[in-house]
Amino acid sequence: MQLWLHWIILGLVAGALAKFLVPGRDPAGCIITVLLGIAGALIGGWVGSALGWGSVSQTRFDSRSIALATLGAVIVLLVGRLMARRR
């Protein structure tokens, strides 16, 4: 599978899971959800590597990659909501 397509699919899955796991109203659309998931995958991979949990795989889908990407997306979503609340 093309690398860019892999990141888009992983971003969609991780972003959707993050929005499902974090309660609250979030009217963002599909593209924002994908971007949230991709940013989450980058952050989740960094956090996972720092803590020794592994990293997000760029070549295949596995439960660790999805879990780390979702964890990162939840972090991005919570930080975004905190910043929006301060405005």
PDB file of N, CA and C in Angstrom:
ATOM      1  N   MET A   1       0.853  -1.176   0.000  1.00  0.00           N
ATOM      2  CA  MET A   1       0.000   0.000   0.000  1.00  0.00           C
ATOM      3  C   MET A   1       0.899   1.240   0.000  1.00  0.00           C
ATOM      4  N   GLN A   2       0.467   2.260  -0.685  1.00  0.00           N
ATOM      5  CA  GLN A   2       1.199   3.516  -0.731  1.00  0.00           C
ATOM      6  C   GLN A   2       1.343   4.075   0.685  1.00  0.00           C
ATOM      7  N   LEU A   3       2.490   4.670   0.982  1.00  0.00           N
ATOM      8  CA  LEU A   3       2.756   5.197   2.320  1.00  0.00           C
ATOM      9  C   LEU A   3       1.775   6.304   2.696  1.00  0.00           C
ATOM     10  N   TRP A   4       1.478   7.202   1.775  1.00  0.00           N
ATOM     11  CA  TRP A   4       0.561   8.309   2.086  1.00  0.00           C
ATOM     12  C   TRP A   4      -0.847   7.793   2.345  1.00  0.00           C
ATOM     13  N   LEU A   5      -1.250   6.751   1.632  1.00  0.00           N
ATOM     14  CA  LEU A   5      -2.577   6.172   1.846  1.00  0.00           C
ATOM     15  C   LEU A   5      -2.655   5.488   3.212  1.00  0.00           C
ATOM     16  N   HIS A   6      -1.570   4.838   3.597  1.00  0.00           N
ATOM     17  CA  HIS A   6      -1.498   4.210   4.909  1.00  0.00           C
ATOM     18  C   HIS A   6      -1.687   5.241   6.013  1.00  0.00           C
ATOM     19  N   TRP A   7      -1.003   6.387   5.904  1.00  0.00           N
ATOM     20  CA  TRP A   7      -1.116   7.437   6.929  1.00  0.00           C
ATOM     21  C   TRP A   7      -2.524   8.023   6.959  1.00  0.00           C
ATOM     22  N   ILE A   8      -3.163   8.167   5.813  1.00  0.00           N
ATOM     23  CA  ILE A   8      -4.530   8.699   5.784  1.00  0.00           C
ATOM     24  C   ILE A   8      -5.498   7.728   6.450  1.00  0.00           C
ATOM     25  N   ILE A   9      -5.380   6.447   6.153  1.00  0.00           N
ATOM     26  CA  ILE A   9      -6.271   5.454   6.762  1.00  0.00           C
ATOM     27  C   ILE A   9      -6.013   5.354   8.264  1.00  0.00           C
ATOM     28  N   LEU A  10      -4.741   5.306   8.656  1.00  0.00           N
ATOM     29  CA  LEU A  10      -4.405   5.274  10.081  1.00  0.00           C
ATOM     30  C   LEU A  10      -4.909   6.535  10.774  1.00  0.00           C
ATOM     31  N   GLY A  11      -4.786   7.680  10.130  1.00  0.00           N
ATOM     32  CA  GLY A  11      -5.279   8.935  10.702  1.00  0.00           C
ATOM     33  C   GLY A  11      -6.782   8.936  10.872  1.00  0.00           C
ATOM     34  N   LEU A  12      -7.492   8.394   9.891  1.00  0.00           N
ATOM     35  CA  LEU A  12      -8.954   8.335   9.988  1.00  0.00           C
ATOM     36  C   LEU A  12      -9.384   7.430  11.135  1.00  0.00           C
ATOM     37  N   VAL A  13      -8.761   6.267  11.248  1.00  0.00           N
ATOM     38  CA  VAL A  13      -9.115   5.327  12.314  1.00  0.00           C
ATOM     39  C   VAL A  13      -8.774   5.915  13.685  1.00  0.00           C
ATOM     40  N   ALA A  14      -7.561   6.441  13.842  1.00  0.00           N
ATOM     41  CA  ALA A  14      -7.134   6.992  15.129  1.00  0.00           C
ATOM     42  C   ALA A  14      -7.945   8.231  15.499  1.00  0.00           C
ATOM     43  N   GLY A  15      -8.206   9.104  14.537  1.00  0.00           N
ATOM     44  CA  GLY A  15      -8.998  10.302  14.815  1.00  0.00           C
ATOM     45  C   GLY A  15     -10.429   9.978  15.208  1.00  0.00           C
ATOM     46  N   ALA A  16     -11.026   9.018  14.518  1.00  0.00           N
ATOM     47  CA  ALA A  16     -12.400   8.616  14.848  1.00  0.00           C
ATOM     48  C   ALA A  16     -12.461   7.967  16.229  1.00  0.00           C
ATOM     49  N   LEU A  17     -11.487   7.119  16.541  1.00  0.00           N
ATOM     50  CA  LEU A  17     -11.457   6.500  17.870  1.00  0.00           C
ATOM     51  C   LEU A  17     -11.253   7.545  18.965  1.00  0.00           C
ATOM     52  N   ALA A  18     -10.394   8.519  18.711  1.00  0.00           N
ATOM     53  CA  ALA A  18     -10.162   9.577  19.705  1.00  0.00           C
ATOM     54  C   ALA A  18     -11.429  10.390  19.947  1.00  0.00           C
ATOM     55  N   LYS A  19     -12.132  10.719  18.873  1.00  0.00           N
ATOM     56  CA  LYS A  19     -13.378  11.476  19.034  1.00  0.00           C
ATOM     57  C   LYS A  19     -14.435  10.650  19.756  1.00  0.00           C
ATOM     58  N   PHE A  20     -14.420   9.339  19.563  1.00  0.00           N
ATOM     59  CA  PHE A  20     -15.359   8.460  20.251  1.00  0.00           C
ATOM     60  C   PHE A  20     -15.019   8.350  21.739  1.00  0.00           C
ATOM     61  N   LEU A  21     -13.729   8.292  22.058  1.00  0.00           N
ATOM     62  CA  LEU A  21     -13.298   8.097  23.434  1.00  0.00           C
ATOM     63  C   LEU A  21     -13.373   9.360  24.290  1.00  0.00           C
ATOM     64  N   VAL A  22     -13.204  10.521  23.679  1.00  0.00           N
ATOM     65  CA  VAL A  22     -13.234  11.781  24.429  1.00  0.00           C
ATOM     66  C   VAL A  22     -14.636  12.370  24.314  1.00  0.00           C
ATOM     67  N   PRO A  23     -15.339  12.459  25.444  1.00  0.00           N
ATOM     68  CA  PRO A  23     -16.710  12.975  25.376  1.00  0.00           C
ATOM     69  C   PRO A  23     -16.738  14.467  25.071  1.00  0.00           C
ATOM     70  N   GLY A  24     -17.849  14.897  24.545  1.00  0.00           N
ATOM     71  CA  GLY A  24     -18.024  16.313  24.255  1.00  0.00           C
ATOM     72  C   GLY A  24     -18.379  16.540  22.801  1.00  0.00           C
ATOM     73  N   ARG A  25     -18.849  17.725  22.539  1.00  0.00           N
ATOM     74  CA  ARG A  25     -19.268  18.096  21.189  1.00  0.00           C
ATOM     75  C   ARG A  25     -18.038  18.502  20.383  1.00  0.00           C
ATOM     76  N   ASP A  26     -17.898  17.923  19.224  1.00  0.00           N
ATOM     77  CA  ASP A  26     -16.784  18.245  18.341  1.00  0.00           C
ATOM     78  C   ASP A  26     -17.288  18.225  16.902  1.00  0.00           C
ATOM     79  N   PRO A  27     -17.626  19.384  16.360  1.00  0.00           N
ATOM     80  CA  PRO A  27     -18.274  19.433  15.048  1.00  0.00           C
ATOM     81  C   PRO A  27     -17.332  19.324  13.847  1.00  0.00           C
ATOM     82  N   ALA A  28     -16.078  18.997  14.069  1.00  0.00           N
ATOM     83  CA  ALA A  28     -15.118  18.936  12.962  1.00  0.00           C
ATOM     84  C   ALA A  28     -15.486  17.815  11.988  1.00  0.00           C
ATOM     85  N   GLY A  29     -15.149  18.027  10.730  1.00  0.00           N
ATOM     86  CA  GLY A  29     -15.495  17.065   9.690  1.00  0.00           C
ATOM     87  C   GLY A  29     -14.454  15.982   9.497  1.00  0.00           C
ATOM     88  N   CYS A  30     -14.594  15.264   8.411  1.00  0.00           N
ATOM     89  CA  CYS A  30     -13.771  14.099   8.112  1.00  0.00           C
ATOM     90  C   CYS A  30     -12.301  14.472   7.893  1.00  0.00           C
ATOM     91  N   ILE A  31     -12.034  15.554   7.200  1.00  0.00           N
ATOM     92  CA  ILE A  31     -10.656  15.951   6.912  1.00  0.00           C
ATOM     93  C   ILE A  31      -9.933  16.340   8.199  1.00  0.00           C
ATOM     94  N   ILE A  32     -10.622  17.061   9.072  1.00  0.00           N
ATOM     95  CA  ILE A  32     -10.031  17.428  10.363  1.00  0.00           C
ATOM     96  C   ILE A  32      -9.784  16.175  11.198  1.00  0.00           C
ATOM     97  N   THR A  33     -10.681  15.201  11.114  1.00  0.00           N
ATOM     98  CA  THR A  33     -10.507  13.945  11.840  1.00  0.00           C
ATOM     99  C   THR A  33      -9.261  13.217  11.343  1.00  0.00           C
ATOM    100  N   VAL A  34      -9.048  13.180  10.041  1.00  0.00           N
ATOM    101  CA  VAL A  34      -7.853  12.543   9.477  1.00  0.00           C
ATOM    102  C   VAL A  34      -6.595  13.281   9.933  1.00  0.00           C
ATOM    103  N   LEU A  35      -6.611  14.612   9.868  1.00  0.00           N
ATOM    104  CA  LEU A  35      -5.452  15.395  10.302  1.00  0.00           C
ATOM    105  C   LEU A  35      -5.181  15.206  11.790  1.00  0.00           C
ATOM    106  N   LEU A  36      -6.250  15.133  12.583  1.00  0.00           N
ATOM    107  CA  LEU A  36      -6.118  14.862  14.011  1.00  0.00           C
ATOM    108  C   LEU A  36      -5.444  13.512  14.233  1.00  0.00           C
ATOM    109  N   GLY A  37      -5.871  12.511  13.497  1.00  0.00           N
ATOM    110  CA  GLY A  37      -5.286  11.183  13.623  1.00  0.00           C
ATOM    111  C   GLY A  37      -3.844  11.119  13.167  1.00  0.00           C
ATOM    112  N   ILE A  38      -3.504  11.807  12.085  1.00  0.00           N
ATOM    113  CA  ILE A  38      -2.122  11.813  11.600  1.00  0.00           C
ATOM    114  C   ILE A  38      -1.216  12.516  12.614  1.00  0.00           C
ATOM    115  N   ALA A  39      -1.664  13.655  13.129  1.00  0.00           N
ATOM    116  CA  ALA A  39      -0.892  14.342  14.173  1.00  0.00           C
ATOM    117  C   ALA A  39      -0.784  13.449  15.405  1.00  0.00           C
ATOM    118  N   GLY A  40      -1.866  12.761  15.718  1.00  0.00           N
ATOM    119  CA  GLY A  40      -1.846  11.835  16.847  1.00  0.00           C
ATOM    120  C   GLY A  40      -0.883  10.687  16.637  1.00  0.00           C
ATOM    121  N   ALA A  41      -0.789  10.194  15.414  1.00  0.00           N
ATOM    122  CA  ALA A  41       0.149   9.112  15.114  1.00  0.00           C
ATOM    123  C   ALA A  41       1.589   9.580  15.301  1.00  0.00           C
ATOM    124  N   LEU A  42       1.876  10.790  14.880  1.00  0.00           N
ATOM    125  CA  LEU A  42       3.222  11.329  15.066  1.00  0.00           C
ATOM    126  C   LEU A  42       3.545  11.495  16.553  1.00  0.00           C
ATOM    127  N   ILE A  43       2.614  12.077  17.300  1.00  0.00           N
ATOM    128  CA  ILE A  43       2.826  12.284  18.735  1.00  0.00           C
ATOM    129  C   ILE A  43       2.824  10.944  19.473  1.00  0.00           C
ATOM    130  N   GLY A  44       1.896  10.064  19.126  1.00  0.00           N
ATOM    131  CA  GLY A  44       1.842   8.751  19.758  1.00  0.00           C
ATOM    132  C   GLY A  44       3.098   7.943  19.512  1.00  0.00           C
ATOM    133  N   GLY A  45       3.646   8.023  18.312  1.00  0.00           N
ATOM    134  CA  GLY A  45       4.893   7.337  18.010  1.00  0.00           C
ATOM    135  C   GLY A  45       6.052   7.892  18.816  1.00  0.00           C
ATOM    136  N   TRP A  46       6.072   9.208  18.992  1.00  0.00           N
ATOM    137  CA  TRP A  46       7.119   9.844  19.778  1.00  0.00           C
ATOM    138  C   TRP A  46       7.010   9.446  21.257  1.00  0.00           C
ATOM    139  N   VAL A  47       5.780   9.512  21.805  1.00  0.00           N
ATOM    140  CA  VAL A  47       5.561   9.139  23.204  1.00  0.00           C
ATOM    141  C   VAL A  47       5.871   7.654  23.406  1.00  0.00           C
ATOM    142  N   GLY A  48       5.399   6.815  22.501  1.00  0.00           N
ATOM    143  CA  GLY A  48       5.655   5.382  22.610  1.00  0.00           C
ATOM    144  C   GLY A  48       7.132   5.049  22.565  1.00  0.00           C
ATOM    145  N   SER A  49       7.875   5.718  21.691  1.00  0.00           N
ATOM    146  CA  SER A  49       9.316   5.490  21.608  1.00  0.00           C
ATOM    147  C   SER A  49      10.024   5.970  22.870  1.00  0.00           C
ATOM    148  N   ALA A  50       9.592   7.115  23.398  1.00  0.00           N
ATOM    149  CA  ALA A  50      10.215   7.662  24.603  1.00  0.00           C
ATOM    150  C   ALA A  50       9.980   6.767  25.814  1.00  0.00           C
ATOM    151  N   LEU A  51       8.804   6.134  25.889  1.00  0.00           N
ATOM    152  CA  LEU A  51       8.479   5.286  27.026  1.00  0.00           C
ATOM    153  C   LEU A  51       8.843   3.818  26.802  1.00  0.00           C
ATOM    154  N   GLY A  52       9.364   3.483  25.629  1.00  0.00           N
ATOM    155  CA  GLY A  52       9.771   2.117  25.339  1.00  0.00           C
ATOM    156  C   GLY A  52       8.625   1.193  24.960  1.00  0.00           C
ATOM    157  N   TRP A  53       7.510   1.746  24.529  1.00  0.00           N
ATOM    158  CA  TRP A  53       6.348   0.940  24.142  1.00  0.00           C
ATOM    159  C   TRP A  53       6.383   0.548  22.678  1.00  0.00           C
ATOM    160  N   GLY A  54       7.322   1.043  21.936  1.00  0.00           N
ATOM    161  CA  GLY A  54       7.366   0.790  20.499  1.00  0.00           C
ATOM    162  C   GLY A  54       7.037   2.068  19.754  1.00  0.00           C
ATOM    163  N   SER A  55       6.769   1.940  18.468  1.00  0.00           N
ATOM    164  CA  SER A  55       6.456   3.112  17.662  1.00  0.00           C
ATOM    165  C   SER A  55       5.342   2.773  16.688  1.00  0.00           C
ATOM    166  N   VAL A  56       4.877   3.777  15.983  1.00  0.00           N
ATOM    167  CA  VAL A  56       3.831   3.591  14.982  1.00  0.00           C
ATOM    168  C   VAL A  56       4.483   3.024  13.729  1.00  0.00           C
ATOM    169  N   SER A  57       3.988   1.892  13.267  1.00  0.00           N
ATOM    170  CA  SER A  57       4.538   1.242  12.079  1.00  0.00           C
ATOM    171  C   SER A  57       4.034   1.944  10.825  1.00  0.00           C
ATOM    172  N   GLN A  58       4.944   2.206   9.912  1.00  0.00           N
ATOM    173  CA  GLN A  58       4.573   2.865   8.668  1.00  0.00           C
ATOM    174  C   GLN A  58       4.278   1.874   7.556  1.00  0.00           C
ATOM    175  N   THR A  59       4.467   0.599   7.814  1.00  0.00           N
ATOM    176  CA  THR A  59       4.324  -0.371   6.733  1.00  0.00           C
ATOM    177  C   THR A  59       3.101  -1.267   6.859  1.00  0.00           C
ATOM    178  N   ARG A  60       2.541  -1.403   8.046  1.00  0.00           N
ATOM    179  CA  ARG A  60       1.373  -2.265   8.209  1.00  0.00           C
ATOM    180  C   ARG A  60       0.549  -1.801   9.396  1.00  0.00           C
ATOM    181  N   PHE A  61      -0.704  -2.228   9.430  1.00  0.00           N
ATOM    182  CA  PHE A  61      -1.574  -1.921  10.549  1.00  0.00           C
ATOM    183  C   PHE A  61      -1.406  -2.998  11.607  1.00  0.00           C
ATOM    184  N   ASP A  62      -1.212  -2.595  12.818  1.00  0.00           N
ATOM    185  CA  ASP A  62      -1.233  -3.526  13.929  1.00  0.00           C
ATOM    186  C   ASP A  62      -1.841  -2.815  15.129  1.00  0.00           C
ATOM    187  N   SER A  63      -2.178  -3.566  16.132  1.00  0.00           N
ATOM    188  CA  SER A  63      -2.887  -2.988  17.274  1.00  0.00           C
ATOM    189  C   SER A  63      -2.038  -1.954  18.012  1.00  0.00           C
ATOM    190  N   ARG A  64      -0.727  -2.170  18.075  1.00  0.00           N
ATOM    191  CA  ARG A  64       0.138  -1.201  18.755  1.00  0.00           C
ATOM    192  C   ARG A  64       0.147   0.136  18.029  1.00  0.00           C
ATOM    193  N   SER A  65       0.249   0.104  16.701  1.00  0.00           N
ATOM    194  CA  SER A  65       0.256   1.353  15.929  1.00  0.00           C
ATOM    195  C   SER A  65      -1.055   2.106  16.100  1.00  0.00           C
ATOM    196  N   ILE A  66      -2.169   1.396  16.034  1.00  0.00           N
ATOM    197  CA  ILE A  66      -3.476   2.048  16.182  1.00  0.00           C
ATOM    198  C   ILE A  66      -3.640   2.597  17.591  1.00  0.00           C
ATOM    199  N   ALA A  67      -3.212   1.837  18.602  1.00  0.00           N
ATOM    200  CA  ALA A  67      -3.336   2.298  19.987  1.00  0.00           C
ATOM    201  C   ALA A  67      -2.481   3.536  20.240  1.00  0.00           C
ATOM    202  N   LEU A  68      -1.236   3.542  19.764  1.00  0.00           N
ATOM    203  CA  LEU A  68      -0.365   4.700  19.956  1.00  0.00           C
ATOM    204  C   LEU A  68      -0.881   5.911  19.192  1.00  0.00           C
ATOM    205  N   ALA A  69      -1.362   5.703  17.974  1.00  0.00           N
ATOM    206  CA  ALA A  69      -1.906   6.812  17.192  1.00  0.00           C
ATOM    207  C   ALA A  69      -3.161   7.369  17.859  1.00  0.00           C
ATOM    208  N   THR A  70      -3.997   6.501  18.406  1.00  0.00           N
ATOM    209  CA  THR A  70      -5.207   6.958  19.088  1.00  0.00           C
ATOM    210  C   THR A  70      -4.852   7.709  20.361  1.00  0.00           C
ATOM    211  N   LEU A  71      -3.872   7.216  21.119  1.00  0.00           N
ATOM    212  CA  LEU A  71      -3.419   7.919  22.320  1.00  0.00           C
ATOM    213  C   LEU A  71      -2.921   9.320  21.962  1.00  0.00           C
ATOM    214  N   GLY A  72      -2.126   9.412  20.913  1.00  0.00           N
ATOM    215  CA  GLY A  72      -1.646  10.717  20.465  1.00  0.00           C
ATOM    216  C   GLY A  72      -2.777  11.617  20.002  1.00  0.00           C
ATOM    217  N   ALA A  73      -3.755  11.061  19.305  1.00  0.00           N
ATOM    218  CA  ALA A  73      -4.898  11.854  18.842  1.00  0.00           C
ATOM    219  C   ALA A  73      -5.733  12.350  20.011  1.00  0.00           C
ATOM    220  N   VAL A  74      -5.879  11.537  21.059  1.00  0.00           N
ATOM    221  CA  VAL A  74      -6.596  11.985  22.258  1.00  0.00           C
ATOM    222  C   VAL A  74      -5.854  13.157  22.892  1.00  0.00           C
ATOM    223  N   ILE A  75      -4.526  13.073  22.953  1.00  0.00           N
ATOM    224  CA  ILE A  75      -3.731  14.180  23.507  1.00  0.00           C
ATOM    225  C   ILE A  75      -3.923  15.438  22.678  1.00  0.00           C
ATOM    226  N   VAL A  76      -3.848  15.317  21.357  1.00  0.00           N
ATOM    227  CA  VAL A  76      -4.029  16.476  20.468  1.00  0.00           C
ATOM    228  C   VAL A  76      -5.433  17.062  20.640  1.00  0.00           C
ATOM    229  N   LEU A  77      -6.443  16.203  20.726  1.00  0.00           N
ATOM    230  CA  LEU A  77      -7.824  16.655  20.879  1.00  0.00           C
ATOM    231  C   LEU A  77      -8.020  17.394  22.195  1.00  0.00           C
ATOM    232  N   LEU A  78      -7.487  16.870  23.289  1.00  0.00           N
ATOM    233  CA  LEU A  78      -7.632  17.520  24.591  1.00  0.00           C
ATOM    234  C   LEU A  78      -6.893  18.855  24.647  1.00  0.00           C
ATOM    235  N   VAL A  79      -5.695  18.894  24.081  1.00  0.00           N
ATOM    236  CA  VAL A  79      -4.944  20.151  24.046  1.00  0.00           C
ATOM    237  C   VAL A  79      -5.684  21.182  23.195  1.00  0.00           C
ATOM    238  N   GLY A  80      -6.221  20.753  22.069  1.00  0.00           N
ATOM    239  CA  GLY A  80      -6.987  21.665  21.212  1.00  0.00           C
ATOM    240  C   GLY A  80      -8.217  22.213  21.909  1.00  0.00           C
ATOM    241  N   ARG A  81      -8.910  21.372  22.644  1.00  0.00           N
ATOM    242  CA  ARG A  81     -10.094  21.839  23.378  1.00  0.00           C
ATOM    243  C   ARG A  81      -9.718  22.803  24.494  1.00  0.00           C
ATOM    244  N   LEU A  82      -8.596  22.545  25.173  1.00  0.00           N
ATOM    245  CA  LEU A  82      -8.141  23.474  26.218  1.00  0.00           C
ATOM    246  C   LEU A  82      -7.773  24.835  25.638  1.00  0.00           C
ATOM    247  N   MET A  83      -7.116  24.819  24.486  1.00  0.00           N
ATOM    248  CA  MET A  83      -6.740  26.085  23.843  1.00  0.00           C
ATOM    249  C   MET A  83      -7.967  26.838  23.356  1.00  0.00           C
ATOM    250  N   ALA A  84      -8.956  26.122  22.832  1.00  0.00           N
ATOM    251  CA  ALA A  84     -10.183  26.775  22.364  1.00  0.00           C
ATOM    252  C   ALA A  84     -10.972  27.351  23.531  1.00  0.00           C
ATOM    253  N   ARG A  85     -10.912  26.692  24.667  1.00  0.00           N
ATOM    254  CA  ARG A  85     -11.643  27.166  25.842  1.00  0.00           C
ATOM    255  C   ARG A  85     -11.046  28.459  26.404  1.00  0.00           C
ATOM    256  N   ARG A  86      -9.731  28.645  26.231  1.00  0.00           N
ATOM    257  CA  ARG A  86      -9.054  29.840  26.756  1.00  0.00           C
ATOM    258  C   ARG A  86      -9.336  31.087  25.926  1.00  0.00           C
ATOM    259  N   ARG A  87      -9.817  30.914  24.706  1.00  0.00           N
ATOM    260  CA  ARG A  87     -10.095  32.090  23.852  1.00  0.00           C
ATOM    261  C   ARG A  87     -11.322  32.756  24.244  1.00  0.00           C
TER     262      ARG A  87
END
